[in-house]
Amino acid sequence: YDTTVHFISEEELKRDHSGIPHGGF
């Protein structure tokens, strides 16, 4: 896959990525 990696702080991960969304078609 074409993969993009972002390095962020622990605070940012908790603030912006705490959910578990998903879906598809």
PDBML (XML) file of the C-alpha atoms, coordinates in Angstrom:
<?xml version="1.0" encoding="UTF-8" ?>
<PDBx:datablock datablockName="MODEL"
   xmlns:PDBx="http://pdbml.pdb.org/schema/pdbx-v50.xsd"
   xmlns:xsi="http://www.w3.org/2001/XMLSchema-instance"
   xsi:schemaLocation="http://pdbml.pdb.org/schema/pdbx-v50.xsd pdbx-v50.xsd">
   <PDBx:atom_siteCategory>
      <PDBx:atom_site id="1">
         <PDBx:B_iso_or_equiv>0.00</PDBx:B_iso_or_equiv>
         <PDBx:Cartn_x>0.000</PDBx:Cartn_x>
         <PDBx:Cartn_y>0.000</PDBx:Cartn_y>
         <PDBx:Cartn_z>0.000</PDBx:Cartn_z>
         <PDBx:auth_asym_id>A</PDBx:auth_asym_id>
         <PDBx:auth_atom_id>CA</PDBx:auth_atom_id>
         <PDBx:auth_comp_id>TYR</PDBx:auth_comp_id>
         <PDBx:auth_seq_id>1</PDBx:auth_seq_id>
         <PDBx:group_PDB>ATOM</PDBx:group_PDB>
         <PDBx:label_alt_id xsi:nil="true" />
         <PDBx:label_asym_id>A</PDBx:label_asym_id>
         <PDBx:label_atom_id>CA</PDBx:label_atom_id>
         <PDBx:label_comp_id>TYR</PDBx:label_comp_id>
         <PDBx:label_entity_id>1</PDBx:label_entity_id>
         <PDBx:label_seq_id>1</PDBx:label_seq_id>
         <PDBx:occupancy>1.00</PDBx:occupancy>
         <PDBx:pdbx_PDB_model_num>1</PDBx:pdbx_PDB_model_num>
         <PDBx:type_symbol>C</PDBx:type_symbol>
      </PDBx:atom_site>
      <PDBx:atom_site id="2">
         <PDBx:B_iso_or_equiv>0.00</PDBx:B_iso_or_equiv>
         <PDBx:Cartn_x>0.925</PDBx:Cartn_x>
         <PDBx:Cartn_y>3.669</PDBx:Cartn_y>
         <PDBx:Cartn_z>-0.320</PDBx:Cartn_z>
         <PDBx:auth_asym_id>A</PDBx:auth_asym_id>
         <PDBx:auth_atom_id>CA</PDBx:auth_atom_id>
         <PDBx:auth_comp_id>ASP</PDBx:auth_comp_id>
         <PDBx:auth_seq_id>2</PDBx:auth_seq_id>
         <PDBx:group_PDB>ATOM</PDBx:group_PDB>
         <PDBx:label_alt_id xsi:nil="true" />
         <PDBx:label_asym_id>A</PDBx:label_asym_id>
         <PDBx:label_atom_id>CA</PDBx:label_atom_id>
         <PDBx:label_comp_id>ASP</PDBx:label_comp_id>
         <PDBx:label_entity_id>1</PDBx:label_entity_id>
         <PDBx:label_seq_id>2</PDBx:label_seq_id>
         <PDBx:occupancy>1.00</PDBx:occupancy>
         <PDBx:pdbx_PDB_model_num>1</PDBx:pdbx_PDB_model_num>
         <PDBx:type_symbol>C</PDBx:type_symbol>
      </PDBx:atom_site>
      <PDBx:atom_site id="3">
         <PDBx:B_iso_or_equiv>0.00</PDBx:B_iso_or_equiv>
         <PDBx:Cartn_x>1.443</PDBx:Cartn_x>
         <PDBx:Cartn_y>4.446</PDBx:Cartn_y>
         <PDBx:Cartn_z>3.358</PDBx:Cartn_z>
         <PDBx:auth_asym_id>A</PDBx:auth_asym_id>
         <PDBx:auth_atom_id>CA</PDBx:auth_atom_id>
         <PDBx:auth_comp_id>THR</PDBx:auth_comp_id>
         <PDBx:auth_seq_id>3</PDBx:auth_seq_id>
         <PDBx:group_PDB>ATOM</PDBx:group_PDB>
         <PDBx:label_alt_id xsi:nil="true" />
         <PDBx:label_asym_id>A</PDBx:label_asym_id>
         <PDBx:label_atom_id>CA</PDBx:label_atom_id>
         <PDBx:label_comp_id>THR</PDBx:label_comp_id>
         <PDBx:label_entity_id>1</PDBx:label_entity_id>
         <PDBx:label_seq_id>3</PDBx:label_seq_id>
         <PDBx:occupancy>1.00</PDBx:occupancy>
         <PDBx:pdbx_PDB_model_num>1</PDBx:pdbx_PDB_model_num>
         <PDBx:type_symbol>C</PDBx:type_symbol>
      </PDBx:atom_site>
      <PDBx:atom_site id="4">
         <PDBx:B_iso_or_equiv>0.00</PDBx:B_iso_or_equiv>
         <PDBx:Cartn_x>1.835</PDBx:Cartn_x>
         <PDBx:Cartn_y>7.834</PDBx:Cartn_y>
         <PDBx:Cartn_z>5.049</PDBx:Cartn_z>
         <PDBx:auth_asym_id>A</PDBx:auth_asym_id>
         <PDBx:auth_atom_id>CA</PDBx:auth_atom_id>
         <PDBx:auth_comp_id>THR</PDBx:auth_comp_id>
         <PDBx:auth_seq_id>4</PDBx:auth_seq_id>
         <PDBx:group_PDB>ATOM</PDBx:group_PDB>
         <PDBx:label_alt_id xsi:nil="true" />
         <PDBx:label_asym_id>A</PDBx:label_asym_id>
         <PDBx:label_atom_id>CA</PDBx:label_atom_id>
         <PDBx:label_comp_id>THR</PDBx:label_comp_id>
         <PDBx:label_entity_id>1</PDBx:label_entity_id>
         <PDBx:label_seq_id>4</PDBx:label_seq_id>
         <PDBx:occupancy>1.00</PDBx:occupancy>
         <PDBx:pdbx_PDB_model_num>1</PDBx:pdbx_PDB_model_num>
         <PDBx:type_symbol>C</PDBx:type_symbol>
      </PDBx:atom_site>
      <PDBx:atom_site id="5">
         <PDBx:B_iso_or_equiv>0.00</PDBx:B_iso_or_equiv>
         <PDBx:Cartn_x>3.364</PDBx:Cartn_x>
         <PDBx:Cartn_y>8.021</PDBx:Cartn_y>
         <PDBx:Cartn_z>8.537</PDBx:Cartn_z>
         <PDBx:auth_asym_id>A</PDBx:auth_asym_id>
         <PDBx:auth_atom_id>CA</PDBx:auth_atom_id>
         <PDBx:auth_comp_id>VAL</PDBx:auth_comp_id>
         <PDBx:auth_seq_id>5</PDBx:auth_seq_id>
         <PDBx:group_PDB>ATOM</PDBx:group_PDB>
         <PDBx:label_alt_id xsi:nil="true" />
         <PDBx:label_asym_id>A</PDBx:label_asym_id>
         <PDBx:label_atom_id>CA</PDBx:label_atom_id>
         <PDBx:label_comp_id>VAL</PDBx:label_comp_id>
         <PDBx:label_entity_id>1</PDBx:label_entity_id>
         <PDBx:label_seq_id>5</PDBx:label_seq_id>
         <PDBx:occupancy>1.00</PDBx:occupancy>
         <PDBx:pdbx_PDB_model_num>1</PDBx:pdbx_PDB_model_num>
         <PDBx:type_symbol>C</PDBx:type_symbol>
      </PDBx:atom_site>
      <PDBx:atom_site id="6">
         <PDBx:B_iso_or_equiv>0.00</PDBx:B_iso_or_equiv>
         <PDBx:Cartn_x>2.819</PDBx:Cartn_x>
         <PDBx:Cartn_y>10.996</PDBx:Cartn_y>
         <PDBx:Cartn_z>10.855</PDBx:Cartn_z>
         <PDBx:auth_asym_id>A</PDBx:auth_asym_id>
         <PDBx:auth_atom_id>CA</PDBx:auth_atom_id>
         <PDBx:auth_comp_id>HIS</PDBx:auth_comp_id>
         <PDBx:auth_seq_id>6</PDBx:auth_seq_id>
         <PDBx:group_PDB>ATOM</PDBx:group_PDB>
         <PDBx:label_alt_id xsi:nil="true" />
         <PDBx:label_asym_id>A</PDBx:label_asym_id>
         <PDBx:label_atom_id>CA</PDBx:label_atom_id>
         <PDBx:label_comp_id>HIS</PDBx:label_comp_id>
         <PDBx:label_entity_id>1</PDBx:label_entity_id>
         <PDBx:label_seq_id>6</PDBx:label_seq_id>
         <PDBx:occupancy>1.00</PDBx:occupancy>
         <PDBx:pdbx_PDB_model_num>1</PDBx:pdbx_PDB_model_num>
         <PDBx:type_symbol>C</PDBx:type_symbol>
      </PDBx:atom_site>
      <PDBx:atom_site id="7">
         <PDBx:B_iso_or_equiv>0.00</PDBx:B_iso_or_equiv>
         <PDBx:Cartn_x>4.771</PDBx:Cartn_x>
         <PDBx:Cartn_y>11.334</PDBx:Cartn_y>
         <PDBx:Cartn_z>14.113</PDBx:Cartn_z>
         <PDBx:auth_asym_id>A</PDBx:auth_asym_id>
         <PDBx:auth_atom_id>CA</PDBx:auth_atom_id>
         <PDBx:auth_comp_id>PHE</PDBx:auth_comp_id>
         <PDBx:auth_seq_id>7</PDBx:auth_seq_id>
         <PDBx:group_PDB>ATOM</PDBx:group_PDB>
         <PDBx:label_alt_id xsi:nil="true" />
         <PDBx:label_asym_id>A</PDBx:label_asym_id>
         <PDBx:label_atom_id>CA</PDBx:label_atom_id>
         <PDBx:label_comp_id>PHE</PDBx:label_comp_id>
         <PDBx:label_entity_id>1</PDBx:label_entity_id>
         <PDBx:label_seq_id>7</PDBx:label_seq_id>
         <PDBx:occupancy>1.00</PDBx:occupancy>
         <PDBx:pdbx_PDB_model_num>1</PDBx:pdbx_PDB_model_num>
         <PDBx:type_symbol>C</PDBx:type_symbol>
      </PDBx:atom_site>
      <PDBx:atom_site id="8">
         <PDBx:B_iso_or_equiv>0.00</PDBx:B_iso_or_equiv>
         <PDBx:Cartn_x>2.713</PDBx:Cartn_x>
         <PDBx:Cartn_y>13.111</PDBx:Cartn_y>
         <PDBx:Cartn_z>16.756</PDBx:Cartn_z>
         <PDBx:auth_asym_id>A</PDBx:auth_asym_id>
         <PDBx:auth_atom_id>CA</PDBx:auth_atom_id>
         <PDBx:auth_comp_id>ILE</PDBx:auth_comp_id>
         <PDBx:auth_seq_id>8</PDBx:auth_seq_id>
         <PDBx:group_PDB>ATOM</PDBx:group_PDB>
         <PDBx:label_alt_id xsi:nil="true" />
         <PDBx:label_asym_id>A</PDBx:label_asym_id>
         <PDBx:label_atom_id>CA</PDBx:label_atom_id>
         <PDBx:label_comp_id>ILE</PDBx:label_comp_id>
         <PDBx:label_entity_id>1</PDBx:label_entity_id>
         <PDBx:label_seq_id>8</PDBx:label_seq_id>
         <PDBx:occupancy>1.00</PDBx:occupancy>
         <PDBx:pdbx_PDB_model_num>1</PDBx:pdbx_PDB_model_num>
         <PDBx:type_symbol>C</PDBx:type_symbol>
      </PDBx:atom_site>
      <PDBx:atom_site id="9">
         <PDBx:B_iso_or_equiv>0.00</PDBx:B_iso_or_equiv>
         <PDBx:Cartn_x>2.647</PDBx:Cartn_x>
         <PDBx:Cartn_y>13.618</PDBx:Cartn_y>
         <PDBx:Cartn_z>20.520</PDBx:Cartn_z>
         <PDBx:auth_asym_id>A</PDBx:auth_asym_id>
         <PDBx:auth_atom_id>CA</PDBx:auth_atom_id>
         <PDBx:auth_comp_id>SER</PDBx:auth_comp_id>
         <PDBx:auth_seq_id>9</PDBx:auth_seq_id>
         <PDBx:group_PDB>ATOM</PDBx:group_PDB>
         <PDBx:label_alt_id xsi:nil="true" />
         <PDBx:label_asym_id>A</PDBx:label_asym_id>
         <PDBx:label_atom_id>CA</PDBx:label_atom_id>
         <PDBx:label_comp_id>SER</PDBx:label_comp_id>
         <PDBx:label_entity_id>1</PDBx:label_entity_id>
         <PDBx:label_seq_id>9</PDBx:label_seq_id>
         <PDBx:occupancy>1.00</PDBx:occupancy>
         <PDBx:pdbx_PDB_model_num>1</PDBx:pdbx_PDB_model_num>
         <PDBx:type_symbol>C</PDBx:type_symbol>
      </PDBx:atom_site>
      <PDBx:atom_site id="10">
         <PDBx:B_iso_or_equiv>0.00</PDBx:B_iso_or_equiv>
         <PDBx:Cartn_x>0.794</PDBx:Cartn_x>
         <PDBx:Cartn_y>11.372</PDBx:Cartn_y>
         <PDBx:Cartn_z>22.966</PDBx:Cartn_z>
         <PDBx:auth_asym_id>A</PDBx:auth_asym_id>
         <PDBx:auth_atom_id>CA</PDBx:auth_atom_id>
         <PDBx:auth_comp_id>GLU</PDBx:auth_comp_id>
         <PDBx:auth_seq_id>10</PDBx:auth_seq_id>
         <PDBx:group_PDB>ATOM</PDBx:group_PDB>
         <PDBx:label_alt_id xsi:nil="true" />
         <PDBx:label_asym_id>A</PDBx:label_asym_id>
         <PDBx:label_atom_id>CA</PDBx:label_atom_id>
         <PDBx:label_comp_id>GLU</PDBx:label_comp_id>
         <PDBx:label_entity_id>1</PDBx:label_entity_id>
         <PDBx:label_seq_id>10</PDBx:label_seq_id>
         <PDBx:occupancy>1.00</PDBx:occupancy>
         <PDBx:pdbx_PDB_model_num>1</PDBx:pdbx_PDB_model_num>
         <PDBx:type_symbol>C</PDBx:type_symbol>
      </PDBx:atom_site>
      <PDBx:atom_site id="11">
         <PDBx:B_iso_or_equiv>0.00</PDBx:B_iso_or_equiv>
         <PDBx:Cartn_x>-1.518</PDBx:Cartn_x>
         <PDBx:Cartn_y>14.289</PDBx:Cartn_y>
         <PDBx:Cartn_z>23.747</PDBx:Cartn_z>
         <PDBx:auth_asym_id>A</PDBx:auth_asym_id>
         <PDBx:auth_atom_id>CA</PDBx:auth_atom_id>
         <PDBx:auth_comp_id>GLU</PDBx:auth_comp_id>
         <PDBx:auth_seq_id>11</PDBx:auth_seq_id>
         <PDBx:group_PDB>ATOM</PDBx:group_PDB>
         <PDBx:label_alt_id xsi:nil="true" />
         <PDBx:label_asym_id>A</PDBx:label_asym_id>
         <PDBx:label_atom_id>CA</PDBx:label_atom_id>
         <PDBx:label_comp_id>GLU</PDBx:label_comp_id>
         <PDBx:label_entity_id>1</PDBx:label_entity_id>
         <PDBx:label_seq_id>11</PDBx:label_seq_id>
         <PDBx:occupancy>1.00</PDBx:occupancy>
         <PDBx:pdbx_PDB_model_num>1</PDBx:pdbx_PDB_model_num>
         <PDBx:type_symbol>C</PDBx:type_symbol>
      </PDBx:atom_site>
      <PDBx:atom_site id="12">
         <PDBx:B_iso_or_equiv>0.00</PDBx:B_iso_or_equiv>
         <PDBx:Cartn_x>-2.403</PDBx:Cartn_x>
         <PDBx:Cartn_y>14.717</PDBx:Cartn_y>
         <PDBx:Cartn_z>20.057</PDBx:Cartn_z>
         <PDBx:auth_asym_id>A</PDBx:auth_asym_id>
         <PDBx:auth_atom_id>CA</PDBx:auth_atom_id>
         <PDBx:auth_comp_id>GLU</PDBx:auth_comp_id>
         <PDBx:auth_seq_id>12</PDBx:auth_seq_id>
         <PDBx:group_PDB>ATOM</PDBx:group_PDB>
         <PDBx:label_alt_id xsi:nil="true" />
         <PDBx:label_asym_id>A</PDBx:label_asym_id>
         <PDBx:label_atom_id>CA</PDBx:label_atom_id>
         <PDBx:label_comp_id>GLU</PDBx:label_comp_id>
         <PDBx:label_entity_id>1</PDBx:label_entity_id>
         <PDBx:label_seq_id>12</PDBx:label_seq_id>
         <PDBx:occupancy>1.00</PDBx:occupancy>
         <PDBx:pdbx_PDB_model_num>1</PDBx:pdbx_PDB_model_num>
         <PDBx:type_symbol>C</PDBx:type_symbol>
      </PDBx:atom_site>
      <PDBx:atom_site id="13">
         <PDBx:B_iso_or_equiv>0.00</PDBx:B_iso_or_equiv>
         <PDBx:Cartn_x>-3.128</PDBx:Cartn_x>
         <PDBx:Cartn_y>11.000</PDBx:Cartn_y>
         <PDBx:Cartn_z>19.682</PDBx:Cartn_z>
         <PDBx:auth_asym_id>A</PDBx:auth_asym_id>
         <PDBx:auth_atom_id>CA</PDBx:auth_atom_id>
         <PDBx:auth_comp_id>LEU</PDBx:auth_comp_id>
         <PDBx:auth_seq_id>13</PDBx:auth_seq_id>
         <PDBx:group_PDB>ATOM</PDBx:group_PDB>
         <PDBx:label_alt_id xsi:nil="true" />
         <PDBx:label_asym_id>A</PDBx:label_asym_id>
         <PDBx:label_atom_id>CA</PDBx:label_atom_id>
         <PDBx:label_comp_id>LEU</PDBx:label_comp_id>
         <PDBx:label_entity_id>1</PDBx:label_entity_id>
         <PDBx:label_seq_id>13</PDBx:label_seq_id>
         <PDBx:occupancy>1.00</PDBx:occupancy>
         <PDBx:pdbx_PDB_model_num>1</PDBx:pdbx_PDB_model_num>
         <PDBx:type_symbol>C</PDBx:type_symbol>
      </PDBx:atom_site>
      <PDBx:atom_site id="14">
         <PDBx:B_iso_or_equiv>0.00</PDBx:B_iso_or_equiv>
         <PDBx:Cartn_x>-5.484</PDBx:Cartn_x>
         <PDBx:Cartn_y>11.031</PDBx:Cartn_y>
         <PDBx:Cartn_z>22.676</PDBx:Cartn_z>
         <PDBx:auth_asym_id>A</PDBx:auth_asym_id>
         <PDBx:auth_atom_id>CA</PDBx:auth_atom_id>
         <PDBx:auth_comp_id>LYS</PDBx:auth_comp_id>
         <PDBx:auth_seq_id>14</PDBx:auth_seq_id>
         <PDBx:group_PDB>ATOM</PDBx:group_PDB>
         <PDBx:label_alt_id xsi:nil="true" />
         <PDBx:label_asym_id>A</PDBx:label_asym_id>
         <PDBx:label_atom_id>CA</PDBx:label_atom_id>
         <PDBx:label_comp_id>LYS</PDBx:label_comp_id>
         <PDBx:label_entity_id>1</PDBx:label_entity_id>
         <PDBx:label_seq_id>14</PDBx:label_seq_id>
         <PDBx:occupancy>1.00</PDBx:occupancy>
         <PDBx:pdbx_PDB_model_num>1</PDBx:pdbx_PDB_model_num>
         <PDBx:type_symbol>C</PDBx:type_symbol>
      </PDBx:atom_site>
      <PDBx:atom_site id="15">
         <PDBx:B_iso_or_equiv>0.00</PDBx:B_iso_or_equiv>
         <PDBx:Cartn_x>-7.154</PDBx:Cartn_x>
         <PDBx:Cartn_y>14.279</PDBx:Cartn_y>
         <PDBx:Cartn_z>21.564</PDBx:Cartn_z>
         <PDBx:auth_asym_id>A</PDBx:auth_asym_id>
         <PDBx:auth_atom_id>CA</PDBx:auth_atom_id>
         <PDBx:auth_comp_id>ARG</PDBx:auth_comp_id>
         <PDBx:auth_seq_id>15</PDBx:auth_seq_id>
         <PDBx:group_PDB>ATOM</PDBx:group_PDB>
         <PDBx:label_alt_id xsi:nil="true" />
         <PDBx:label_asym_id>A</PDBx:label_asym_id>
         <PDBx:label_atom_id>CA</PDBx:label_atom_id>
         <PDBx:label_comp_id>ARG</PDBx:label_comp_id>
         <PDBx:label_entity_id>1</PDBx:label_entity_id>
         <PDBx:label_seq_id>15</PDBx:label_seq_id>
         <PDBx:occupancy>1.00</PDBx:occupancy>
         <PDBx:pdbx_PDB_model_num>1</PDBx:pdbx_PDB_model_num>
         <PDBx:type_symbol>C</PDBx:type_symbol>
      </PDBx:atom_site>
      <PDBx:atom_site id="16">
         <PDBx:B_iso_or_equiv>0.00</PDBx:B_iso_or_equiv>
         <PDBx:Cartn_x>-7.596</PDBx:Cartn_x>
         <PDBx:Cartn_y>13.571</PDBx:Cartn_y>
         <PDBx:Cartn_z>17.860</PDBx:Cartn_z>
         <PDBx:auth_asym_id>A</PDBx:auth_asym_id>
         <PDBx:auth_atom_id>CA</PDBx:auth_atom_id>
         <PDBx:auth_comp_id>ASP</PDBx:auth_comp_id>
         <PDBx:auth_seq_id>16</PDBx:auth_seq_id>
         <PDBx:group_PDB>ATOM</PDBx:group_PDB>
         <PDBx:label_alt_id xsi:nil="true" />
         <PDBx:label_asym_id>A</PDBx:label_asym_id>
         <PDBx:label_atom_id>CA</PDBx:label_atom_id>
         <PDBx:label_comp_id>ASP</PDBx:label_comp_id>
         <PDBx:label_entity_id>1</PDBx:label_entity_id>
         <PDBx:label_seq_id>16</PDBx:label_seq_id>
         <PDBx:occupancy>1.00</PDBx:occupancy>
         <PDBx:pdbx_PDB_model_num>1</PDBx:pdbx_PDB_model_num>
         <PDBx:type_symbol>C</PDBx:type_symbol>
      </PDBx:atom_site>
      <PDBx:atom_site id="17">
         <PDBx:B_iso_or_equiv>0.00</PDBx:B_iso_or_equiv>
         <PDBx:Cartn_x>-7.553</PDBx:Cartn_x>
         <PDBx:Cartn_y>9.773</PDBx:Cartn_y>
         <PDBx:Cartn_z>17.486</PDBx:Cartn_z>
         <PDBx:auth_asym_id>A</PDBx:auth_asym_id>
         <PDBx:auth_atom_id>CA</PDBx:auth_atom_id>
         <PDBx:auth_comp_id>HIS</PDBx:auth_comp_id>
         <PDBx:auth_seq_id>17</PDBx:auth_seq_id>
         <PDBx:group_PDB>ATOM</PDBx:group_PDB>
         <PDBx:label_alt_id xsi:nil="true" />
         <PDBx:label_asym_id>A</PDBx:label_asym_id>
         <PDBx:label_atom_id>CA</PDBx:label_atom_id>
         <PDBx:label_comp_id>HIS</PDBx:label_comp_id>
         <PDBx:label_entity_id>1</PDBx:label_entity_id>
         <PDBx:label_seq_id>17</PDBx:label_seq_id>
         <PDBx:occupancy>1.00</PDBx:occupancy>
         <PDBx:pdbx_PDB_model_num>1</PDBx:pdbx_PDB_model_num>
         <PDBx:type_symbol>C</PDBx:type_symbol>
      </PDBx:atom_site>
      <PDBx:atom_site id="18">
         <PDBx:B_iso_or_equiv>0.00</PDBx:B_iso_or_equiv>
         <PDBx:Cartn_x>-9.305</PDBx:Cartn_x>
         <PDBx:Cartn_y>8.291</PDBx:Cartn_y>
         <PDBx:Cartn_z>20.531</PDBx:Cartn_z>
         <PDBx:auth_asym_id>A</PDBx:auth_asym_id>
         <PDBx:auth_atom_id>CA</PDBx:auth_atom_id>
         <PDBx:auth_comp_id>SER</PDBx:auth_comp_id>
         <PDBx:auth_seq_id>18</PDBx:auth_seq_id>
         <PDBx:group_PDB>ATOM</PDBx:group_PDB>
         <PDBx:label_alt_id xsi:nil="true" />
         <PDBx:label_asym_id>A</PDBx:label_asym_id>
         <PDBx:label_atom_id>CA</PDBx:label_atom_id>
         <PDBx:label_comp_id>SER</PDBx:label_comp_id>
         <PDBx:label_entity_id>1</PDBx:label_entity_id>
         <PDBx:label_seq_id>18</PDBx:label_seq_id>
         <PDBx:occupancy>1.00</PDBx:occupancy>
         <PDBx:pdbx_PDB_model_num>1</PDBx:pdbx_PDB_model_num>
         <PDBx:type_symbol>C</PDBx:type_symbol>
      </PDBx:atom_site>
      <PDBx:atom_site id="19">
         <PDBx:B_iso_or_equiv>0.00</PDBx:B_iso_or_equiv>
         <PDBx:Cartn_x>-12.321</PDBx:Cartn_x>
         <PDBx:Cartn_y>6.945</PDBx:Cartn_y>
         <PDBx:Cartn_z>18.635</PDBx:Cartn_z>
         <PDBx:auth_asym_id>A</PDBx:auth_asym_id>
         <PDBx:auth_atom_id>CA</PDBx:auth_atom_id>
         <PDBx:auth_comp_id>GLY</PDBx:auth_comp_id>
         <PDBx:auth_seq_id>19</PDBx:auth_seq_id>
         <PDBx:group_PDB>ATOM</PDBx:group_PDB>
         <PDBx:label_alt_id xsi:nil="true" />
         <PDBx:label_asym_id>A</PDBx:label_asym_id>
         <PDBx:label_atom_id>CA</PDBx:label_atom_id>
         <PDBx:label_comp_id>GLY</PDBx:label_comp_id>
         <PDBx:label_entity_id>1</PDBx:label_entity_id>
         <PDBx:label_seq_id>19</PDBx:label_seq_id>
         <PDBx:occupancy>1.00</PDBx:occupancy>
         <PDBx:pdbx_PDB_model_num>1</PDBx:pdbx_PDB_model_num>
         <PDBx:type_symbol>C</PDBx:type_symbol>
      </PDBx:atom_site>
      <PDBx:atom_site id="20">
         <PDBx:B_iso_or_equiv>0.00</PDBx:B_iso_or_equiv>
         <PDBx:Cartn_x>-12.690</PDBx:Cartn_x>
         <PDBx:Cartn_y>3.674</PDBx:Cartn_y>
         <PDBx:Cartn_z>16.707</PDBx:Cartn_z>
         <PDBx:auth_asym_id>A</PDBx:auth_asym_id>
         <PDBx:auth_atom_id>CA</PDBx:auth_atom_id>
         <PDBx:auth_comp_id>ILE</PDBx:auth_comp_id>
         <PDBx:auth_seq_id>20</PDBx:auth_seq_id>
         <PDBx:group_PDB>ATOM</PDBx:group_PDB>
         <PDBx:label_alt_id xsi:nil="true" />
         <PDBx:label_asym_id>A</PDBx:label_asym_id>
         <PDBx:label_atom_id>CA</PDBx:label_atom_id>
         <PDBx:label_comp_id>ILE</PDBx:label_comp_id>
         <PDBx:label_entity_id>1</PDBx:label_entity_id>
         <PDBx:label_seq_id>20</PDBx:label_seq_id>
         <PDBx:occupancy>1.00</PDBx:occupancy>
         <PDBx:pdbx_PDB_model_num>1</PDBx:pdbx_PDB_model_num>
         <PDBx:type_symbol>C</PDBx:type_symbol>
      </PDBx:atom_site>
      <PDBx:atom_site id="21">
         <PDBx:B_iso_or_equiv>0.00</PDBx:B_iso_or_equiv>
         <PDBx:Cartn_x>-14.646</PDBx:Cartn_x>
         <PDBx:Cartn_y>4.721</PDBx:Cartn_y>
         <PDBx:Cartn_z>13.583</PDBx:Cartn_z>
         <PDBx:auth_asym_id>A</PDBx:auth_asym_id>
         <PDBx:auth_atom_id>CA</PDBx:auth_atom_id>
         <PDBx:auth_comp_id>PRO</PDBx:auth_comp_id>
         <PDBx:auth_seq_id>21</PDBx:auth_seq_id>
         <PDBx:group_PDB>ATOM</PDBx:group_PDB>
         <PDBx:label_alt_id xsi:nil="true" />
         <PDBx:label_asym_id>A</PDBx:label_asym_id>
         <PDBx:label_atom_id>CA</PDBx:label_atom_id>
         <PDBx:label_comp_id>PRO</PDBx:label_comp_id>
         <PDBx:label_entity_id>1</PDBx:label_entity_id>
         <PDBx:label_seq_id>21</PDBx:label_seq_id>
         <PDBx:occupancy>1.00</PDBx:occupancy>
         <PDBx:pdbx_PDB_model_num>1</PDBx:pdbx_PDB_model_num>
         <PDBx:type_symbol>C</PDBx:type_symbol>
      </PDBx:atom_site>
      <PDBx:atom_site id="22">
         <PDBx:B_iso_or_equiv>0.00</PDBx:B_iso_or_equiv>
         <PDBx:Cartn_x>-14.864</PDBx:Cartn_x>
         <PDBx:Cartn_y>2.543</PDBx:Cartn_y>
         <PDBx:Cartn_z>10.491</PDBx:Cartn_z>
         <PDBx:auth_asym_id>A</PDBx:auth_asym_id>
         <PDBx:auth_atom_id>CA</PDBx:auth_atom_id>
         <PDBx:auth_comp_id>HIS</PDBx:auth_comp_id>
         <PDBx:auth_seq_id>22</PDBx:auth_seq_id>
         <PDBx:group_PDB>ATOM</PDBx:group_PDB>
         <PDBx:label_alt_id xsi:nil="true" />
         <PDBx:label_asym_id>A</PDBx:label_asym_id>
         <PDBx:label_atom_id>CA</PDBx:label_atom_id>
         <PDBx:label_comp_id>HIS</PDBx:label_comp_id>
         <PDBx:label_entity_id>1</PDBx:label_entity_id>
         <PDBx:label_seq_id>22</PDBx:label_seq_id>
         <PDBx:occupancy>1.00</PDBx:occupancy>
         <PDBx:pdbx_PDB_model_num>1</PDBx:pdbx_PDB_model_num>
         <PDBx:type_symbol>C</PDBx:type_symbol>
      </PDBx:atom_site>
      <PDBx:atom_site id="23">
         <PDBx:B_iso_or_equiv>0.00</PDBx:B_iso_or_equiv>
         <PDBx:Cartn_x>-17.067</PDBx:Cartn_x>
         <PDBx:Cartn_y>1.680</PDBx:Cartn_y>
         <PDBx:Cartn_z>7.537</PDBx:Cartn_z>
         <PDBx:auth_asym_id>A</PDBx:auth_asym_id>
         <PDBx:auth_atom_id>CA</PDBx:auth_atom_id>
         <PDBx:auth_comp_id>GLY</PDBx:auth_comp_id>
         <PDBx:auth_seq_id>23</PDBx:auth_seq_id>
         <PDBx:group_PDB>ATOM</PDBx:group_PDB>
         <PDBx:label_alt_id xsi:nil="true" />
         <PDBx:label_asym_id>A</PDBx:label_asym_id>
         <PDBx:label_atom_id>CA</PDBx:label_atom_id>
         <PDBx:label_comp_id>GLY</PDBx:label_comp_id>
         <PDBx:label_entity_id>1</PDBx:label_entity_id>
         <PDBx:label_seq_id>23</PDBx:label_seq_id>
         <PDBx:occupancy>1.00</PDBx:occupancy>
         <PDBx:pdbx_PDB_model_num>1</PDBx:pdbx_PDB_model_num>
         <PDBx:type_symbol>C</PDBx:type_symbol>
      </PDBx:atom_site>
      <PDBx:atom_site id="24">
         <PDBx:B_iso_or_equiv>0.00</PDBx:B_iso_or_equiv>
         <PDBx:Cartn_x>-16.846</PDBx:Cartn_x>
         <PDBx:Cartn_y>0.919</PDBx:Cartn_y>
         <PDBx:Cartn_z>3.879</PDBx:Cartn_z>
         <PDBx:auth_asym_id>A</PDBx:auth_asym_id>
         <PDBx:auth_atom_id>CA</PDBx:auth_atom_id>
         <PDBx:auth_comp_id>GLY</PDBx:auth_comp_id>
         <PDBx:auth_seq_id>24</PDBx:auth_seq_id>
         <PDBx:group_PDB>ATOM</PDBx:group_PDB>
         <PDBx:label_alt_id xsi:nil="true" />
         <PDBx:label_asym_id>A</PDBx:label_asym_id>
         <PDBx:label_atom_id>CA</PDBx:label_atom_id>
         <PDBx:label_comp_id>GLY</PDBx:label_comp_id>
         <PDBx:label_entity_id>1</PDBx:label_entity_id>
         <PDBx:label_seq_id>24</PDBx:label_seq_id>
         <PDBx:occupancy>1.00</PDBx:occupancy>
         <PDBx:pdbx_PDB_model_num>1</PDBx:pdbx_PDB_model_num>
         <PDBx:type_symbol>C</PDBx:type_symbol>
      </PDBx:atom_site>
      <PDBx:atom_site id="25">
         <PDBx:B_iso_or_equiv>0.00</PDBx:B_iso_or_equiv>
         <PDBx:Cartn_x>-18.594</PDBx:Cartn_x>
         <PDBx:Cartn_y>-0.040</PDBx:Cartn_y>
         <PDBx:Cartn_z>0.664</PDBx:Cartn_z>
         <PDBx:auth_asym_id>A</PDBx:auth_asym_id>
         <PDBx:auth_atom_id>CA</PDBx:auth_atom_id>
         <PDBx:auth_comp_id>PHE</PDBx:auth_comp_id>
         <PDBx:auth_seq_id>25</PDBx:auth_seq_id>
         <PDBx:group_PDB>ATOM</PDBx:group_PDB>
         <PDBx:label_alt_id xsi:nil="true" />
         <PDBx:label_asym_id>A</PDBx:label_asym_id>
         <PDBx:label_atom_id>CA</PDBx:label_atom_id>
         <PDBx:label_comp_id>PHE</PDBx:label_comp_id>
         <PDBx:label_entity_id>1</PDBx:label_entity_id>
         <PDBx:label_seq_id>25</PDBx:label_seq_id>
         <PDBx:occupancy>1.00</PDBx:occupancy>
         <PDBx:pdbx_PDB_model_num>1</PDBx:pdbx_PDB_model_num>
         <PDBx:type_symbol>C</PDBx:type_symbol>
      </PDBx:atom_site>
   </PDBx:atom_siteCategory>
</PDBx:datablock>
